[in-house]
Protein backbone atom coordinates (compact mmCIF):
# COMPACT_ATOMS: atom_id res chain seq x y z
CA MET A 1 -3.16 -68.29 -44.42
CA LEU A 2 -0.54 -70.16 -46.43
CA GLU A 3 0.11 -73.89 -46.08
CA ARG A 4 3.69 -73.28 -44.92
CA ASP A 5 2.47 -70.91 -42.19
CA ILE A 6 0.06 -73.54 -40.85
CA GLU A 7 2.77 -76.22 -40.97
CA HIS A 8 5.28 -73.95 -39.23
CA LYS A 9 2.91 -72.96 -36.41
CA VAL A 10 1.63 -76.50 -35.77
CA THR A 11 5.23 -77.79 -35.70
CA GLU A 12 6.23 -75.04 -33.29
CA ILE A 13 3.32 -75.84 -30.95
CA ALA A 14 3.96 -79.59 -31.21
CA LYS A 15 7.62 -79.20 -30.27
CA LYS A 16 6.63 -77.18 -27.20
CA HIS A 17 4.49 -80.18 -26.19
CA GLY A 18 7.37 -82.63 -26.57
CA TRP A 19 6.75 -83.90 -30.10
CA LEU A 20 9.72 -84.74 -32.32
CA SER A 21 9.07 -83.64 -35.90
CA PHE A 22 10.78 -84.13 -39.25
CA LYS A 23 9.97 -82.86 -42.71
CA PHE A 24 9.05 -85.95 -44.74
CA VAL A 25 10.78 -85.88 -48.12
CA SER A 26 11.00 -89.02 -50.21
CA PRO A 27 12.84 -88.42 -53.50
CA ALA A 28 11.84 -91.83 -54.86
CA GLN A 29 8.15 -91.44 -53.92
CA ARG A 30 6.18 -88.29 -54.57
CA GLY A 31 2.92 -87.65 -52.76
CA VAL A 32 4.03 -88.42 -49.20
CA PRO A 33 2.66 -86.29 -46.32
CA ASP A 34 4.56 -83.14 -45.33
CA ARG A 35 5.63 -84.04 -41.79
CA ILE A 36 6.17 -86.89 -39.37
CA PHE A 37 5.48 -86.27 -35.68
CA MET A 38 6.62 -88.69 -32.95
CA LYS A 39 5.94 -88.81 -29.22
CA ASP A 40 5.64 -91.61 -26.66
CA GLY A 41 5.59 -94.32 -29.34
CA ARG A 42 2.90 -92.56 -31.39
CA ILE A 43 3.78 -91.69 -34.99
CA VAL A 44 1.55 -89.25 -36.88
CA PHE A 45 1.87 -88.18 -40.51
CA ILE A 46 0.30 -84.85 -41.48
CA GLU A 47 -0.32 -83.43 -44.93
CA PHE A 48 -0.77 -79.68 -44.54
CA LYS A 49 -2.97 -77.72 -46.94
CA ALA A 50 -4.02 -74.10 -47.28
CA PRO A 51 -7.55 -73.53 -45.94
CA GLY A 52 -10.11 -75.23 -48.16
CA LYS A 53 -7.51 -76.99 -50.34
CA LYS A 54 -7.62 -80.78 -50.85
CA PRO A 55 -4.88 -83.36 -51.42
CA THR A 56 -3.99 -84.29 -54.98
CA GLN A 57 -5.04 -87.65 -56.41
CA LEU A 58 -1.51 -88.95 -55.88
CA GLN A 59 -1.45 -87.74 -52.27
CA ASP A 60 -4.83 -89.39 -51.62
CA HIS A 61 -3.55 -92.64 -53.11
CA ILE A 62 -0.34 -92.65 -51.04
CA MET A 63 -2.15 -91.70 -47.82
CA ARG A 64 -4.72 -94.48 -48.37
CA LYS A 65 -1.87 -96.97 -48.76
CA MET A 66 -0.31 -95.66 -45.55
CA VAL A 67 -3.60 -95.98 -43.64
CA ASP A 68 -4.05 -99.50 -45.02
CA ALA A 69 -0.57 -100.28 -43.64
CA GLY A 70 -1.71 -99.15 -40.18
CA CYS A 71 -0.33 -95.59 -40.16
CA GLU A 72 -2.07 -92.60 -38.61
CA VAL A 73 -2.40 -89.96 -41.34
CA HIS A 74 -4.20 -86.60 -41.22
CA VAL A 75 -4.87 -83.80 -43.69
CA CYS A 76 -4.95 -80.43 -41.91
CA ASP A 77 -5.86 -77.06 -43.40
CA SER A 78 -5.75 -75.06 -40.17
CA ILE A 79 -3.62 -74.66 -37.06
CA GLU A 80 -6.54 -75.93 -34.98
CA GLY A 81 -6.85 -79.04 -37.16
CA GLY A 82 -3.16 -79.83 -36.79
CA CYS A 83 -3.25 -79.32 -33.04
CA ASN A 84 -6.33 -81.53 -32.79
CA ALA A 85 -4.62 -84.31 -34.76
CA LEU A 86 -1.74 -84.22 -32.28
CA GLN A 87 -4.01 -83.67 -29.27
CA VAL A 88 -2.12 -80.52 -28.19
């Protein structure tokens, strides 16, 4: 399964469960997670990957900085993993 297919399906499921979702694009900062999900005051960042793939060094670095700043960040390489991160 392709990364974009996983991202699309998780986003579709999340929206059905009331999550607001935006594609996270930051022209001035590469390496940010793919999507932001928001619901009931909870904000979750998810980096989607194809099954078995890992984040790049830059992505790891940026996500560590985000976690250190108190953000909830997940790397998901399956639909199940994405749904689990969002508890849907």
